[in-house]
C-alpha atoms as a PDB file:
ATOM      1  CA  MET A   1      -0.549   6.472  14.523  1.00  0.00           C
ATOM      2  CA  ALA A   2       2.336   4.226  13.507  1.00  0.00           C
ATOM      3  CA  ALA A   3       2.840   3.082   9.947  1.00  0.00           C
ATOM      4  CA  PHE A   4       1.142  -0.216   9.270  1.00  0.00           C
ATOM      5  CA  ILE A   5       3.909  -1.727   7.163  1.00  0.00           C
ATOM      6  CA  ARG A   6       6.413  -3.804   9.101  1.00  0.00           C
ATOM      7  CA  PHE A   7       9.907  -4.758   7.960  1.00  0.00           C
ATOM      8  CA  PRO A   8      10.242  -6.716   5.754  1.00  0.00           C
ATOM      9  CA  PHE A   9       7.174  -4.970   4.451  1.00  0.00           C
ATOM     10  CA  TRP A  10       6.327  -7.370   1.619  1.00  0.00           C
ATOM     11  CA  ILE A  11       6.310 -10.543   3.752  1.00  0.00           C
ATOM     12  CA  THR A  12       4.230 -11.145   6.841  1.00  0.00           C
ATOM     13  CA  LYS A  13       5.863 -12.490   9.982  1.00  0.00           C
ATOM     14  CA  THR A  14       3.769 -15.666   9.765  1.00  0.00           C
ATOM     15  CA  GLY A  15       4.788 -16.267   6.148  1.00  0.00           C
ATOM     16  CA  LYS A  16       1.188 -16.434   4.911  1.00  0.00           C
ATOM     17  CA  GLY A  17       1.899 -14.389   1.799  1.00  0.00           C
ATOM     18  CA  LEU A  18       2.451 -10.922   0.505  1.00  0.00           C
ATOM     19  CA  GLN A  19       1.427  -7.982   2.626  1.00  0.00           C
ATOM     20  CA  LEU A  20       1.958  -5.558  -0.249  1.00  0.00           C
ATOM     21  CA  PHE A  21      -1.514  -6.215  -1.626  1.00  0.00           C
ATOM     22  CA  GLN A  22      -3.254  -5.629   1.686  1.00  0.00           C
ATOM     23  CA  SER A  23      -1.219  -2.449   2.181  1.00  0.00           C
ATOM     24  CA  ALA A  24      -2.297  -1.197  -1.240  1.00  0.00           C
ATOM     25  CA  LEU A  25      -5.925  -1.945  -0.352  1.00  0.00           C
ATOM     26  CA  ILE A  26      -5.626   0.008   2.879  1.00  0.00           C
ATOM     27  CA  LEU A  27      -4.231   2.960   0.950  1.00  0.00           C
ATOM     28  CA  TYR A  28      -7.071   2.648  -1.572  1.00  0.00           C
ATOM     29  CA  TYR A  29      -9.700   2.853   1.165  1.00  0.00           C
ATOM     30  CA  CYS A  30      -7.880   5.803   2.703  1.00  0.00           C
ATOM     31  CA  LEU A  31      -7.953   7.465  -0.724  1.00  0.00           C
ATOM     32  CA  ARG A  32     -11.706   6.889  -1.032  1.00  0.00           C
ATOM     33  CA  ASP A  33     -12.416   8.423   2.388  1.00  0.00           C
ATOM     34  CA  VAL A  34     -13.693  11.994   2.101  1.00  0.00           C
ATOM     35  CA  ARG A  35     -12.021  12.910   5.413  1.00  0.00           C
ATOM     36  CA  THR A  36      -8.573  12.420   3.868  1.00  0.00           C
ATOM     37  CA  PRO A  37      -7.060  15.773   2.779  1.00  0.00           C
ATOM     38  CA  ALA A  38      -6.734  16.490  -0.932  1.00  0.00           C
ATOM     39  CA  ARG A  39      -2.925  16.631  -0.803  1.00  0.00           C
ATOM     40  CA  VAL A  40      -2.749  13.137   0.688  1.00  0.00           C
ATOM     41  CA  ARG A  41      -5.335  11.853  -1.794  1.00  0.00           C
ATOM     42  CA  TRP A  42      -3.208  13.111  -4.702  1.00  0.00           C
ATOM     43  CA  ILE A  43      -0.157  11.319  -3.328  1.00  0.00           C
ATOM     44  CA  LEU A  44      -2.101   8.107  -2.783  1.00  0.00           C
ATOM     45  CA  SER A  45      -3.569   8.335  -6.278  1.00  0.00           C
ATOM     46  CA  ALA A  46      -0.133   8.719  -7.828  1.00  0.00           C
ATOM     47  CA  ALA A  47       1.316   5.849  -5.779  1.00  0.00           C
ATOM     48  CA  LEU A  48      -1.501   3.431  -6.567  1.00  0.00           C
ATOM     49  CA  LEU A  49      -1.469   4.393 -10.218  1.00  0.00           C
ATOM     50  CA  TYR A  50       2.275   3.717 -10.386  1.00  0.00           C
ATOM     51  CA  VAL A  51       1.778   0.283  -8.852  1.00  0.00           C
ATOM     52  CA  MET A  52      -1.063  -0.622 -11.213  1.00  0.00           C
ATOM     53  CA  LEU A  53       0.557   0.560 -14.444  1.00  0.00           C
ATOM     54  CA  PRO A  54       2.633  -1.989 -16.354  1.00  0.00           C
ATOM     55  CA  PHE A  55       5.380   0.606 -16.967  1.00  0.00           C
ATOM     56  CA  ASP A  56       7.684   0.633 -13.965  1.00  0.00           C
ATOM     57  CA  PHE A  57      11.203   1.670 -13.185  1.00  0.00           C
ATOM     58  CA  MET A  58      11.880  -2.048 -12.753  1.00  0.00           C
ATOM     59  CA  PRO A  59       9.509  -4.333 -14.723  1.00  0.00           C
ATOM     60  CA  ASP A  60       7.443  -6.756 -12.654  1.00  0.00           C
ATOM     61  CA  MET A  61       8.554  -9.598 -14.937  1.00  0.00           C
ATOM     62  CA  LEU A  62      11.861  -9.674 -13.057  1.00  0.00           C
ATOM     63  CA  GLY A  63      10.229 -11.551 -10.180  1.00  0.00           C
ATOM     64  CA  TRP A  64      10.789 -10.300  -6.649  1.00  0.00           C
ATOM     65  CA  LEU A  65      13.280  -7.736  -7.907  1.00  0.00           C
ATOM     66  CA  GLY A  66      10.594  -6.146 -10.071  1.00  0.00           C
ATOM     67  CA  TRP A  67       8.299  -5.744  -7.079  1.00  0.00           C
ATOM     68  CA  THR A  68      10.814  -3.839  -4.968  1.00  0.00           C
ATOM     69  CA  ASP A  69      10.075  -0.465  -6.558  1.00  0.00           C
ATOM     70  CA  ASP A  70       6.340  -1.045  -6.089  1.00  0.00           C
ATOM     71  CA  ALA A  71       6.901  -1.992  -2.451  1.00  0.00           C
ATOM     72  CA  LEU A  72       8.993   1.126  -1.856  1.00  0.00           C
ATOM     73  CA  ILE A  73       6.311   3.348  -3.420  1.00  0.00           C
ATOM     74  CA  ILE A  74       3.609   1.741  -1.244  1.00  0.00           C
ATOM     75  CA  ALA A  75       5.796   2.110   1.857  1.00  0.00           C
ATOM     76  CA  ALA A  76       6.474   5.789   1.134  1.00  0.00           C
ATOM     77  CA  ALA A  77       2.790   6.513   0.487  1.00  0.00           C
ATOM     78  CA  ALA A  78       1.848   4.668   3.687  1.00  0.00           C
ATOM     79  CA  ARG A  79       4.330   6.750   5.648  1.00  0.00           C
ATOM     80  CA  ILE A  80       2.817   9.963   4.286  1.00  0.00           C
ATOM     81  CA  ALA A  81      -0.772   8.833   4.886  1.00  0.00           C
ATOM     82  CA  SER A  82      -0.184   7.044   8.197  1.00  0.00           C
ATOM     83  CA  SER A  83      -1.992   9.653  10.288  1.00  0.00           C
ATOM     84  CA  TRP A  84      -5.050   9.458   8.015  1.00  0.00           C
ATOM     85  CA  ILE A  85      -5.394   5.672   7.942  1.00  0.00           C
ATOM     86  CA  ARG A  86      -8.322   4.672  10.121  1.00  0.00           C
ATOM     87  CA  PRO A  87      -9.259   1.275  11.603  1.00  0.00           C
ATOM     88  CA  GLU A  88     -12.201   0.951   9.190  1.00  0.00           C
ATOM     89  CA  HIS A  89      -9.771   1.136   6.259  1.00  0.00           C
ATOM     90  CA  ARG A  90      -7.868  -1.809   7.692  1.00  0.00           C
ATOM     91  CA  LYS A  91     -11.087  -3.758   8.312  1.00  0.00           C
ATOM     92  CA  LYS A  92     -12.297  -3.259   4.751  1.00  0.00           C
ATOM     93  CA  ALA A  93      -8.950  -4.365   3.360  1.00  0.00           C
ATOM     94  CA  ALA A  94      -8.860  -7.405   5.642  1.00  0.00           C
ATOM     95  CA  ARG A  95     -12.236  -8.552   4.304  1.00  0.00           C
ATOM     96  CA  ILE A  96     -10.795  -8.670   0.789  1.00  0.00           C
ATOM     97  CA  TRP A  97      -7.222  -9.787   1.528  1.00  0.00           C
ATOM     98  CA  PRO A  98      -7.044 -11.444   4.978  1.00  0.00           C
ATOM     99  CA  LEU A  99      -3.596 -12.195   6.393  1.00  0.00           C
END
């Protein structure tokens, strides 16, 4: 299964907005799935926690520059979990954040 984040991974091709949020939602639903292995769930937990915490390597107050470290963390976690992401995870995320 190919990774679901396209380059540039924080902007959709249609320009409708940020894809980072939908990608984080997909990872969240993958984390909540009991079929996902524990090792992958730990990685997803750490990645999502890093994105949610206000303490970053680059503060989010810097605008788009502050979001680059969050986007890289989400992209790396998505690459690791790509074989465990199921279509129902994408559907659940699309209901909350449609793009």
